[in-house]
Amino acid sequence: MKTNYRHGDVLIIPTKKKVQGEPQKKAVLALGEVTGHSHQMTSGKSTLFRFKEEMYLRVTSKRAALTHEEHAKIELPAGEYEVVIQRDYIPGGWTKVID
């Protein structure tokens, strides 16, 4: 069974979906709008892809570290992942959770 990973308001789900989208220069999964802190890959080899409202992460090294100034570092094993940013429902629609 594949493990899901949670890092604050970021959920990382192993996927068998076709990873598509524009490769990003930096693997910043979420940027804090209040503090400026970010959820980003800081070691190992990984590529973040953005496609419309979807994000995918490909880890090509044996392990890669995801860090944030306010959370413990987690290590992701090699593989492909869908990245989902947690949302909250407010009257009138959805809003992204701000970490």
C-alpha atoms as a PDB file:
ATOM      1  CA  MET A   1       0.000   0.000   0.000  1.00  0.00           C
ATOM      2  CA  LYS A   2       1.321   3.442  -0.958  1.00  0.00           C
ATOM      3  CA  THR A   3       1.497   6.098   1.746  1.00  0.00           C
ATOM      4  CA  ASN A   4      -0.033   9.569   1.513  1.00  0.00           C
ATOM      5  CA  TYR A   5       2.031  12.375   3.019  1.00  0.00           C
ATOM      6  CA  ARG A   6       0.768  15.515   4.746  1.00  0.00           C
ATOM      7  CA  HIS A   7       2.957  18.564   5.282  1.00  0.00           C
ATOM      8  CA  GLY A   8       0.834  21.293   6.855  1.00  0.00           C
ATOM      9  CA  ASP A   9      -1.811  22.251   4.297  1.00  0.00           C
ATOM     10  CA  VAL A  10      -0.133  20.211   1.522  1.00  0.00           C
ATOM     11  CA  LEU A  11      -1.266  16.648   0.775  1.00  0.00           C
ATOM     12  CA  ILE A  12       1.037  14.494  -1.374  1.00  0.00           C
ATOM     13  CA  ILE A  13      -0.586  11.398  -2.888  1.00  0.00           C
ATOM     14  CA  PRO A  14       1.254   8.683  -4.819  1.00  0.00           C
ATOM     15  CA  THR A  15      -0.325   8.539  -8.273  1.00  0.00           C
ATOM     16  CA  LYS A  16      -0.471   6.422 -11.380  1.00  0.00           C
ATOM     17  CA  LYS A  17      -1.982   9.320 -13.344  1.00  0.00           C
ATOM     18  CA  LYS A  18       0.022  10.608 -16.271  1.00  0.00           C
ATOM     19  CA  VAL A  19       2.242  13.361 -14.895  1.00  0.00           C
ATOM     20  CA  GLN A  20       1.763  16.311 -17.187  1.00  0.00           C
ATOM     21  CA  GLY A  21       2.245  20.030 -17.236  1.00  0.00           C
ATOM     22  CA  GLU A  22       4.942  22.651 -17.311  1.00  0.00           C
ATOM     23  CA  PRO A  23       8.065  21.735 -15.305  1.00  0.00           C
ATOM     24  CA  GLN A  24       8.838  24.432 -12.753  1.00  0.00           C
ATOM     25  CA  LYS A  25      12.317  25.872 -12.190  1.00  0.00           C
ATOM     26  CA  LYS A  26      11.920  25.409  -8.420  1.00  0.00           C
ATOM     27  CA  ALA A  27       9.924  22.755  -6.632  1.00  0.00           C
ATOM     28  CA  VAL A  28       7.882  25.093  -4.398  1.00  0.00           C
ATOM     29  CA  LEU A  29       4.656  23.251  -3.631  1.00  0.00           C
ATOM     30  CA  ALA A  30       2.998  26.093  -1.682  1.00  0.00           C
ATOM     31  CA  LEU A  31       4.008  29.619  -0.748  1.00  0.00           C
ATOM     32  CA  GLY A  32       2.795  31.128   2.508  1.00  0.00           C
ATOM     33  CA  GLU A  33       0.867  34.289   1.685  1.00  0.00           C
ATOM     34  CA  VAL A  34       1.193  35.680   5.207  1.00  0.00           C
ATOM     35  CA  THR A  35       4.666  34.589   6.360  1.00  0.00           C
ATOM     36  CA  GLY A  36       6.410  34.074   3.027  1.00  0.00           C
ATOM     37  CA  HIS A  37       7.476  30.615   4.222  1.00  0.00           C
ATOM     38  CA  SER A  38       7.220  27.881   1.628  1.00  0.00           C
ATOM     39  CA  HIS A  39       6.770  24.144   1.295  1.00  0.00           C
ATOM     40  CA  GLN A  40       9.640  23.238  -1.013  1.00  0.00           C
ATOM     41  CA  MET A  41      11.864  20.379  -2.027  1.00  0.00           C
ATOM     42  CA  THR A  42      15.335  21.095  -0.639  1.00  0.00           C
ATOM     43  CA  SER A  43      17.398  17.979  -1.251  1.00  0.00           C
ATOM     44  CA  GLY A  44      17.396  15.045  -3.607  1.00  0.00           C
ATOM     45  CA  LYS A  45      16.210  15.273  -7.203  1.00  0.00           C
ATOM     46  CA  SER A  46      12.625  16.236  -7.932  1.00  0.00           C
ATOM     47  CA  THR A  47      10.573  18.174 -10.467  1.00  0.00           C
ATOM     48  CA  LEU A  48       7.279  19.947  -9.882  1.00  0.00           C
ATOM     49  CA  PHE A  49       4.815  20.127 -12.786  1.00  0.00           C
ATOM     50  CA  ARG A  50       1.850  22.501 -13.035  1.00  0.00           C
ATOM     51  CA  PHE A  51      -1.100  21.752 -15.322  1.00  0.00           C
ATOM     52  CA  LYS A  52      -4.072  24.124 -15.037  1.00  0.00           C
ATOM     53  CA  GLU A  53      -5.105  23.830 -11.356  1.00  0.00           C
ATOM     54  CA  GLU A  54      -3.259  20.541 -10.827  1.00  0.00           C
ATOM     55  CA  MET A  55       0.255  19.923  -9.530  1.00  0.00           C
ATOM     56  CA  TYR A  56       2.400  16.824  -9.813  1.00  0.00           C
ATOM     57  CA  LEU A  57       5.746  15.986  -8.251  1.00  0.00           C
ATOM     58  CA  ARG A  58       8.258  13.533  -9.657  1.00  0.00           C
ATOM     59  CA  VAL A  59      11.020  12.371  -7.291  1.00  0.00           C
ATOM     60  CA  THR A  60      13.852  10.772  -9.266  1.00  0.00           C
ATOM     61  CA  SER A  61      16.436  10.311  -6.516  1.00  0.00           C
ATOM     62  CA  LYS A  62      16.108   7.549  -3.928  1.00  0.00           C
ATOM     63  CA  ARG A  63      14.665  10.123  -1.486  1.00  0.00           C
ATOM     64  CA  ALA A  64      13.987  13.866  -1.534  1.00  0.00           C
ATOM     65  CA  ALA A  65      13.283  16.213   1.380  1.00  0.00           C
ATOM     66  CA  LEU A  66      10.261  18.511   1.684  1.00  0.00           C
ATOM     67  CA  THR A  67      10.808  21.368   4.133  1.00  0.00           C
ATOM     68  CA  HIS A  68       8.960  24.326   5.635  1.00  0.00           C
ATOM     69  CA  GLU A  69      10.092  26.687   8.369  1.00  0.00           C
ATOM     70  CA  GLU A  70       7.203  25.696  10.680  1.00  0.00           C
ATOM     71  CA  HIS A  71       6.975  21.934  10.049  1.00  0.00           C
ATOM     72  CA  ALA A  72       9.264  18.959  10.460  1.00  0.00           C
ATOM     73  CA  LYS A  73      11.084  17.862   7.313  1.00  0.00           C
ATOM     74  CA  ILE A  74       9.650  14.817   5.561  1.00  0.00           C
ATOM     75  CA  GLU A  75      11.386  12.573   3.069  1.00  0.00           C
ATOM     76  CA  LEU A  76       9.581  11.289   0.002  1.00  0.00           C
ATOM     77  CA  PRO A  77      10.741   8.123  -1.749  1.00  0.00           C
ATOM     78  CA  ALA A  78      11.251   8.012  -5.513  1.00  0.00           C
ATOM     79  CA  GLY A  79       7.970   8.078  -7.407  1.00  0.00           C
ATOM     80  CA  GLU A  80       5.264  10.253  -8.864  1.00  0.00           C
ATOM     81  CA  TYR A  81       2.795  12.194  -6.754  1.00  0.00           C
ATOM     82  CA  GLU A  82      -0.235  14.407  -7.065  1.00  0.00           C
ATOM     83  CA  VAL A  83       0.026  17.525  -4.893  1.00  0.00           C
ATOM     84  CA  VAL A  84      -3.192  18.856  -3.348  1.00  0.00           C
ATOM     85  CA  ILE A  85      -3.448  22.082  -1.352  1.00  0.00           C
ATOM     86  CA  GLN A  86      -6.069  21.871   1.406  1.00  0.00           C
ATOM     87  CA  ARG A  87      -9.144  24.062   0.905  1.00  0.00           C
ATOM     88  CA  ASP A  88     -11.858  25.265   3.275  1.00  0.00           C
ATOM     89  CA  TYR A  89     -15.459  25.922   2.373  1.00  0.00           C
ATOM     90  CA  ILE A  90     -16.756  29.373   3.167  1.00  0.00           C
ATOM     91  CA  PRO A  91     -20.215  30.651   2.256  1.00  0.00           C
ATOM     92  CA  GLY A  92     -20.063  31.411  -1.429  1.00  0.00           C
ATOM     93  CA  GLY A  93     -17.238  29.059  -2.376  1.00  0.00           C
ATOM     94  CA  TRP A  94     -13.901  27.477  -1.584  1.00  0.00           C
ATOM     95  CA  THR A  95     -10.701  29.116  -0.364  1.00  0.00           C
ATOM     96  CA  LYS A  96      -7.170  27.761  -0.062  1.00  0.00           C
ATOM     97  CA  VAL A  97      -5.885  27.210   3.457  1.00  0.00           C
ATOM     98  CA  ILE A  98      -3.108  29.671   4.228  1.00  0.00           C
ATOM     99  CA  ASP A  99      -0.275  28.130   6.221  1.00  0.00           C
END
